[in-house]
Amino acid sequence: MPVRKASAVWEGSLKEGHGTVKLGSGAYEGQYSFSSRFEEGTGTNPEELIGAAHAGCFSMALSAGLGRAAPVRAVPIRMAAGVKASSSSADRPMAAPNT
C-alpha cells in the first residue's frame, strides 16, 4: 500500500492563529482554527478529517466482508463517524452506520 501524505501549516498563536490542511492528492484543502477545532467555528479540524477516514475505511471493509459472504449489489453503504478530542482513554472514535 502506498504512503499517503497530507500537510498542515499553522500561523500565529494558539487562540488567535489559523491554519490550512491539505491532502497530498490535492483532493481537499481547507482552513482550520482554534474555534473550528475546540468550539463551533467555521472551518475544518483534524478530528473531522480522521472521522471521514474512519467512515471511508469502515464502509469499504464492510463491503469487502459482505462481498465474501455473497455477491454485493450496487447499493450505497453510508457511514458516519464521530471523533472527540480527549485525553481520556474512555473516549474512543467510533464508526456507525448512518441510518
Protein backbone atom coordinates (compact mmCIF):
# COMPACT_ATOMS: atom_id res chain seq x y z
CA MET A 1 0.00 0.00 0.00
CA PRO A 2 1.46 3.41 -0.89
CA VAL A 3 2.24 6.05 1.70
CA ARG A 4 -0.49 8.71 1.70
CA LYS A 5 0.55 12.21 2.63
CA ALA A 6 -1.03 15.38 3.93
CA SER A 7 0.32 18.66 5.24
CA ALA A 8 -0.68 21.40 7.64
CA VAL A 9 0.54 24.94 8.20
CA TRP A 10 -0.27 26.93 11.35
CA GLU A 11 0.37 30.67 11.67
CA GLY A 12 0.06 32.69 14.85
CA SER A 13 -0.74 31.93 18.46
CA LEU A 14 -2.95 29.05 19.55
CA LYS A 15 -6.18 31.01 20.04
CA GLU A 16 -5.72 33.82 17.51
CA GLY A 17 -3.88 31.87 14.82
CA HIS A 18 -5.18 29.97 11.81
CA GLY A 19 -4.04 27.13 9.64
CA THR A 20 -4.50 25.22 6.42
CA VAL A 21 -4.65 21.47 5.95
CA LYS A 22 -4.05 19.94 2.55
CA LEU A 23 -4.29 16.38 1.24
CA GLY A 24 -1.30 15.20 -0.78
CA SER A 25 -3.61 14.15 -3.63
CA GLY A 26 -4.89 17.72 -3.93
CA ALA A 27 -8.48 16.49 -3.41
CA TYR A 28 -9.01 18.75 -0.39
CA GLU A 29 -7.54 21.90 1.13
CA GLY A 30 -9.22 23.77 3.96
CA GLN A 31 -8.84 26.25 6.77
CA TYR A 32 -8.86 25.47 10.47
CA SER A 33 -8.53 27.46 13.67
CA PHE A 34 -8.84 27.21 17.43
CA SER A 35 -12.57 27.91 17.17
CA SER A 36 -13.13 25.32 14.40
CA ARG A 37 -11.32 22.70 16.45
CA PHE A 38 -12.45 23.35 20.02
CA GLU A 39 -15.65 25.34 19.51
CA GLU A 40 -18.22 25.60 16.71
CA GLY A 41 -16.25 27.94 14.45
CA THR A 42 -16.10 27.91 10.66
CA GLY A 43 -13.62 25.57 9.00
CA THR A 44 -12.50 22.00 9.43
CA ASN A 45 -10.41 20.30 12.10
CA PRO A 46 -8.15 17.25 12.34
CA GLU A 47 -10.81 15.22 14.16
CA GLU A 48 -13.32 15.77 11.34
CA LEU A 49 -10.78 14.53 8.80
CA ILE A 50 -10.00 11.47 10.96
CA GLY A 51 -13.75 10.79 11.18
CA ALA A 52 -14.05 10.90 7.39
CA ALA A 53 -11.11 8.50 7.08
CA HIS A 54 -12.65 6.06 9.59
CA ALA A 55 -16.04 6.16 7.86
CA GLY A 56 -14.45 5.61 4.44
CA CYS A 57 -12.29 2.69 5.60
CA PHE A 58 -15.11 1.05 7.56
CA SER A 59 -17.59 1.23 4.66
CA MET A 60 -15.04 -0.34 2.30
CA ALA A 61 -14.23 -3.08 4.82
CA LEU A 62 -17.94 -3.78 5.33
CA SER A 63 -18.43 -4.03 1.57
CA ALA A 64 -15.49 -6.46 1.32
CA GLY A 65 -16.88 -8.62 4.13
CA LEU A 66 -20.35 -8.69 2.62
CA GLY A 67 -18.83 -9.49 -0.78
CA ARG A 68 -17.07 -12.54 0.67
CA ALA A 69 -20.37 -13.78 2.11
CA ALA A 70 -22.49 -13.19 -1.00
CA PRO A 71 -22.43 -11.12 -4.18
CA VAL A 72 -22.84 -7.43 -3.33
CA ARG A 73 -25.44 -5.41 -5.20
CA ALA A 74 -24.59 -1.85 -6.12
CA VAL A 75 -26.24 -0.22 -3.12
CA PRO A 76 -24.67 2.62 -1.16
CA ILE A 77 -23.17 1.95 2.25
CA ARG A 78 -23.49 5.20 4.19
CA MET A 79 -21.33 5.61 7.26
CA ALA A 80 -20.98 8.37 9.81
CA ALA A 81 -18.18 8.63 12.35
CA GLY A 82 -17.80 10.82 15.40
CA VAL A 83 -14.39 11.77 16.78
CA LYS A 84 -13.94 13.63 20.04
CA ALA A 85 -10.60 15.13 21.04
CA SER A 86 -9.96 13.92 24.57
CA SER A 87 -7.11 12.96 26.84
CA SER A 88 -9.23 10.18 28.37
CA SER A 89 -8.83 6.62 27.09
CA ALA A 90 -12.57 6.13 27.76
CA ASP A 91 -13.43 8.39 24.78
CA ARG A 92 -12.63 6.43 21.62
CA PRO A 93 -13.58 7.17 17.98
CA MET A 94 -16.39 5.00 16.70
CA ALA A 95 -17.87 4.42 13.25
CA ALA A 96 -21.55 3.56 12.96
CA PRO A 97 -23.99 3.02 10.10
CA ASN A 98 -25.71 6.21 9.01
CA THR A 99 -29.42 5.48 9.28
